[in-house]
Each structure stands twice: as C-alpha cells, then as structure tokens.
C-alpha cells in the first residue's frame, strides 16, 4: 500500500480569538500548494483515495489538486497516529491513500512507520512524503518512495 502524507501549505498565523480551523493559506502557501498539486497530479495513481483535515488551510491545499477528496475529522489538528492509520486503512487498503493534514500528527505517523522513535519527523509546510508498505523476509517494512518539497519543484 502507498500512503502519501501532504502537510498543508503555509498559512497565516492565527488572529486573536480566531478558531485554528479557520486559518487560511498565505499567497506563498497558495503557490506552493499549486506547485505540489501539479507534481502530485502526474504521480498519483488512478483510484487514489484523498482524505483531508477539516481545517481551511488543509482544504485550500488539497483543492489545488482538482481531484475529489473527503474531509475527515480524524485528520484534524492534534490527531493521533491511531486516528490517521485507521482513516488510511494502513497497511491493507487496496488503493493508495493521500492524507492532507498537520504537524506534529503527520510527523509522528512517519516516525512510527519508519521506526524512527517516539518523536515527530519534521515535515515542512507543503511537503509530501510518499511511503510504501512491503514485506521482506517475513517482516513488514515501510520504505520511503519520495520526499518532495514545493520550493524544489
């Protein structure tokens, strides 16, 4: 199974009293989301499931892709690794799954799957980490297929 983690692009800092879910992308974030979406459009297999956090900044990021997606509360800021794994159907889903979400949740998920310890891997805003599950010599493994950041595209 392929699991693609896409951290939302750069968003405005919260205004006093503003709900965190309402933060929008900056113009730079919009450009980065568009750039990454162009790359993903060429890479994502047909039938990939796309799941997104309900946060405005995450939905603005995924909308740049112009593919159907579903909003899942399980991907909200502060989501647990277990929430993300369940939403994705890891490692048994029949199709690739793209999760559009937040730090530190995505970084904690990557760290667990790659057996890197308890801390969160730092995932840059707008970056995509493409992971794949496989079996080798009877052992389940997760391998990194690609790490891509929008300012390198």
Protein backbone atom coordinates (compact mmCIF):
# COMPACT_ATOMS: atom_id res chain seq x y z
CA UNK A 1 0.00 0.00 0.00
CA UNK A 2 1.15 3.52 -0.75
CA UNK A 3 0.50 6.18 1.87
CA UNK A 4 1.14 9.76 0.85
CA UNK A 5 1.38 12.41 3.58
CA UNK A 6 0.85 16.01 2.45
CA UNK A 7 1.28 18.71 5.07
CA UNK A 8 -0.84 21.77 4.39
CA UNK A 9 0.99 24.69 2.83
CA UNK A 10 1.95 27.90 4.66
CA UNK A 11 -0.96 29.54 6.49
CA UNK A 12 -1.46 32.85 8.23
CA UNK A 13 -0.77 32.98 11.95
CA UNK A 14 -3.98 32.97 13.99
CA UNK A 15 -5.62 36.30 14.72
CA UNK A 16 -6.56 36.95 18.36
CA UNK A 17 -9.66 34.88 19.13
CA UNK A 18 -9.62 33.13 15.75
CA UNK A 19 -10.51 29.45 15.63
CA UNK A 20 -7.44 27.49 14.48
CA UNK A 21 -9.53 25.61 11.89
CA UNK A 22 -10.31 28.93 10.14
CA UNK A 23 -6.73 29.89 9.29
CA UNK A 24 -6.24 30.35 5.54
CA UNK A 25 -3.22 29.91 3.28
CA UNK A 26 -0.93 32.82 2.57
CA UNK A 27 -0.29 33.75 -1.07
CA UNK A 28 3.01 31.87 -0.80
CA UNK A 29 1.12 28.88 0.61
CA UNK A 30 -1.31 29.00 -2.32
CA UNK A 31 1.59 28.99 -4.80
CA UNK A 32 3.26 26.08 -3.00
CA UNK A 33 0.01 24.11 -2.87
CA UNK A 34 -0.46 24.65 -6.61
CA UNK A 35 3.11 23.62 -7.40
CA UNK A 36 2.84 20.46 -5.30
CA UNK A 37 -0.59 19.66 -6.74
CA UNK A 38 0.85 19.81 -10.27
CA UNK A 39 3.52 17.30 -9.23
CA UNK A 40 1.03 15.04 -7.45
CA UNK A 41 -1.32 15.10 -10.43
CA UNK A 42 1.40 13.45 -12.51
CA UNK A 43 2.34 10.95 -9.76
CA UNK A 44 -0.87 9.83 -8.08
CA UNK A 45 -2.34 6.61 -9.41
CA UNK A 46 -5.95 6.49 -10.56
CA UNK A 47 -8.20 5.38 -7.74
CA UNK A 48 -6.12 7.01 -5.01
CA UNK A 49 -8.29 7.96 -2.02
CA UNK A 50 -7.76 11.52 -0.85
CA UNK A 51 -8.64 12.43 2.73
CA UNK A 52 -8.32 15.91 4.18
CA UNK A 53 -8.45 17.66 7.54
CA UNK A 54 -11.45 19.97 8.03
CA UNK A 55 -9.12 22.93 8.58
CA UNK A 56 -9.48 25.68 5.95
CA UNK A 57 -5.73 25.66 5.24
CA UNK A 58 -5.77 21.91 4.55
CA UNK A 59 -8.81 22.12 2.28
CA UNK A 60 -7.26 25.03 0.37
CA UNK A 61 -4.14 22.91 -0.07
CA UNK A 62 -5.98 19.85 -1.40
CA UNK A 63 -8.32 21.88 -3.65
CA UNK A 64 -5.27 22.84 -5.72
CA UNK A 65 -5.17 19.17 -6.79
CA UNK A 66 -8.57 19.31 -8.57
CA UNK A 67 -9.48 15.75 -7.55
CA UNK A 68 -12.32 14.53 -5.39
CA UNK A 69 -11.48 14.34 -1.71
CA UNK A 70 -13.27 13.64 1.55
CA UNK A 71 -12.98 15.68 4.73
CA UNK A 72 -12.30 13.57 7.81
CA UNK A 73 -12.36 14.87 11.38
CA UNK A 74 -9.78 12.14 12.16
CA UNK A 75 -7.22 14.33 10.35
CA UNK A 76 -7.91 17.47 12.43
CA UNK A 77 -5.03 19.27 14.15
CA UNK A 78 -3.85 17.16 17.07
CA UNK A 79 -5.00 13.87 15.51
CA UNK A 80 -3.41 10.75 16.94
CA UNK A 81 -1.31 8.34 14.93
CA UNK A 82 -4.02 5.72 15.50
CA UNK A 83 -6.65 8.09 14.03
CA UNK A 84 -4.53 8.59 10.92
CA UNK A 85 -3.76 4.89 10.49
CA UNK A 86 -7.43 3.98 10.82
CA UNK A 87 -8.53 6.68 8.37
CA UNK A 88 -5.95 5.49 5.82
CA UNK A 89 -6.63 1.78 6.28
CA UNK A 90 -2.89 1.20 6.70
CA UNK A 91 -1.39 -1.17 5.61
CA UNK A 92 -4.25 -3.07 3.96
CA UNK A 93 -6.05 -0.53 1.76
CA UNK A 94 -6.42 -1.66 -1.85
CA UNK A 95 -5.52 1.76 -3.28
CA UNK A 96 -3.05 4.48 -2.50
CA UNK A 97 -4.23 6.94 0.16
CA UNK A 98 -3.28 10.62 0.35
CA UNK A 99 -3.71 12.27 3.76
CA UNK A 100 -3.69 16.08 3.87
CA UNK A 101 -3.07 17.19 7.42
CA UNK A 102 -0.91 18.78 10.07
CA UNK A 103 2.21 18.63 12.18
CA UNK A 104 3.01 17.06 14.51
CA UNK A 105 0.48 14.32 13.62
CA UNK A 106 1.91 13.56 10.17
CA UNK A 107 5.46 13.60 11.53
CA UNK A 108 4.54 11.25 14.37
CA UNK A 109 2.93 8.90 11.85
CA UNK A 110 6.01 8.93 9.59
CA UNK A 111 8.28 8.39 12.58
CA UNK A 112 6.29 5.38 13.77
CA UNK A 113 6.02 3.76 10.34
CA UNK A 114 9.73 4.27 9.67
CA UNK A 115 10.66 3.07 13.17
CA UNK A 116 12.48 6.31 14.00
CA UNK A 117 11.49 6.56 17.66
CA UNK A 118 8.85 8.46 19.59
CA UNK A 119 9.45 12.00 18.30
CA UNK A 120 7.83 13.55 15.25
CA UNK A 121 9.76 13.72 11.98
CA UNK A 122 9.88 17.35 10.90
CA UNK A 123 7.73 17.69 7.79
CA UNK A 124 7.93 21.07 6.07
CA UNK A 125 4.81 23.02 5.19
CA UNK A 126 3.54 21.94 1.80
CA UNK A 127 5.82 18.87 1.65
CA UNK A 128 4.82 15.39 0.52
CA UNK A 129 6.20 12.17 2.00
CA UNK A 130 5.38 9.07 -0.06
CA UNK A 131 5.62 5.84 1.92
CA UNK A 132 5.04 2.23 0.87
CA UNK A 133 4.39 -0.88 2.94
CA UNK A 134 6.05 -4.11 1.88
CA UNK A 135 7.13 -7.47 3.24
CA UNK A 136 10.74 -8.66 3.19
CA UNK A 137 11.79 -11.98 4.63
CA UNK A 138 8.52 -12.24 6.54
CA UNK A 139 8.92 -8.75 8.06
CA UNK A 140 6.59 -5.82 7.49
CA UNK A 141 8.55 -2.77 6.34
CA UNK A 142 7.83 0.80 5.39
CA UNK A 143 10.02 2.38 2.75
CA UNK A 144 10.32 5.98 1.64
CA UNK A 145 9.47 6.30 -2.03
CA UNK A 146 9.82 10.08 -2.21
CA UNK A 147 10.08 13.23 -0.13
CA UNK A 148 9.25 16.34 -2.10
CA UNK A 149 9.01 19.99 -1.09
CA UNK A 150 7.28 22.65 -3.17
CA UNK A 151 10.22 25.06 -3.40
CA UNK A 152 12.29 22.33 -5.12
CA UNK A 153 9.77 21.76 -7.91
